[in-house]
Amino acid sequence: MPRSAVTIRNHSLLAAALEGLELQKQRIDEQIEEVRALLGKSPARPGRPHAAAANSGAKSGRGPLSAAARKKIAAAQKRRWAAYRKANGSKSE
């Protein structure tokens, strides 16, 4: 068998293998996205618009906070920071 025929045969075999691996990768990526969706995590990797488009219409279940709720959260955070500063001896205020 001439050398060029072996090269062409190897090339076509490698091309077929590459195509199969790319299909497997695509299926695995889709399964990963499904699991992330079940866990409530959005994909953090750029360059995957189909995943972002699938999650764009989903609601998180949380509405906007009221002014009273924001004040309550801010007060709690200030108390936590005051306790932290007291424990560590920082006087940044």
Protein backbone atom coordinates (compact mmCIF):
# COMPACT_ATOMS: atom_id res chain seq x y z
CA MET A 1 0.00 0.00 0.00
CA PRO A 2 1.44 3.41 -0.92
CA ARG A 3 2.33 5.83 1.85
CA SER A 4 -0.25 8.47 0.77
CA ALA A 5 -3.14 5.96 1.07
CA VAL A 6 -2.14 5.17 4.67
CA THR A 7 -1.98 8.88 5.51
CA ILE A 8 -5.42 9.53 4.02
CA ARG A 9 -6.86 6.55 5.88
CA ASN A 10 -5.35 7.72 9.19
CA HIS A 11 -6.59 11.25 8.52
CA SER A 12 -10.16 10.10 7.90
CA LEU A 13 -10.04 7.88 10.98
CA LEU A 14 -8.82 10.77 13.12
CA ALA A 15 -11.46 13.10 11.65
CA ALA A 16 -14.20 10.58 12.47
CA ALA A 17 -12.84 10.14 15.99
CA LEU A 18 -12.74 13.90 16.47
CA GLU A 19 -16.34 14.24 15.31
CA GLY A 20 -17.46 11.55 17.74
CA LEU A 21 -15.61 13.13 20.63
CA GLU A 22 -17.11 16.54 19.87
CA LEU A 23 -20.61 15.01 19.95
CA GLN A 24 -19.84 13.39 23.31
CA LYS A 25 -18.53 16.70 24.64
CA GLN A 26 -21.69 18.49 23.50
CA ARG A 27 -23.89 15.90 25.26
CA ILE A 28 -21.81 16.15 28.44
CA ASP A 29 -22.00 19.96 28.37
CA GLU A 30 -25.78 19.77 28.03
CA GLN A 31 -25.99 17.36 30.96
CA ILE A 32 -23.81 19.66 33.07
CA GLU A 33 -26.12 22.58 32.28
CA GLU A 34 -29.16 20.51 33.28
CA VAL A 35 -27.58 19.61 36.62
CA ARG A 36 -26.61 23.23 37.24
CA ALA A 37 -30.17 24.31 36.48
CA LEU A 38 -31.46 21.75 38.98
CA LEU A 39 -29.03 23.10 41.58
CA GLY A 40 -30.06 26.67 40.82
CA LYS A 41 -26.65 27.73 39.55
CA SER A 42 -26.24 29.73 36.40
CA PRO A 43 -23.28 29.08 34.10
CA ALA A 44 -20.39 31.36 34.88
CA ARG A 45 -18.42 30.71 31.72
CA PRO A 46 -18.55 33.25 28.90
CA GLY A 47 -19.03 32.21 25.29
CA ARG A 48 -22.00 29.93 25.88
CA PRO A 49 -24.98 31.98 24.73
CA HIS A 50 -27.38 29.04 24.44
CA ALA A 51 -27.11 28.36 28.16
CA ALA A 52 -27.64 32.00 29.08
CA ALA A 53 -30.62 32.28 26.75
CA ALA A 54 -32.24 29.22 28.33
CA ASN A 55 -31.99 30.76 31.80
CA SER A 56 -32.92 34.31 30.83
CA GLY A 57 -36.67 33.74 31.15
CA ALA A 58 -36.47 31.96 34.50
CA LYS A 59 -37.54 33.86 37.63
CA SER A 60 -35.51 33.57 40.79
CA GLY A 61 -38.57 33.65 43.03
CA ARG A 62 -37.37 36.72 44.87
CA GLY A 63 -39.00 40.07 44.45
CA PRO A 64 -37.61 43.52 45.13
CA LEU A 65 -36.96 44.41 48.77
CA SER A 66 -39.07 46.97 50.55
CA ALA A 67 -37.48 50.02 52.16
CA ALA A 68 -38.13 48.56 55.61
CA ALA A 69 -36.42 45.30 54.66
CA ARG A 70 -33.38 47.14 53.30
CA LYS A 71 -33.13 49.18 56.54
CA LYS A 72 -33.38 46.01 58.61
CA ILE A 73 -30.64 44.31 56.60
CA ALA A 74 -28.42 47.42 56.81
CA ALA A 75 -28.87 47.62 60.59
CA ALA A 76 -28.00 43.94 61.00
CA GLN A 77 -24.88 44.37 58.84
CA LYS A 78 -23.80 47.40 60.89
CA ARG A 79 -24.21 45.36 64.09
CA ARG A 80 -22.09 42.56 62.61
CA TRP A 81 -19.35 44.98 61.57
CA ALA A 82 -19.40 46.65 65.00
CA ALA A 83 -18.98 43.27 66.68
CA TYR A 84 -16.17 42.38 64.27
CA ARG A 85 -14.34 45.65 64.94
CA LYS A 86 -14.80 45.24 68.69
CA ALA A 87 -13.38 41.72 68.58
CA ASN A 88 -10.40 42.71 66.43
CA GLY A 89 -9.68 46.06 68.04
CA SER A 90 -10.03 48.04 64.81
CA LYS A 91 -11.01 51.69 64.97
CA SER A 92 -11.70 52.60 61.38
CA GLU A 93 -14.69 54.88 62.17
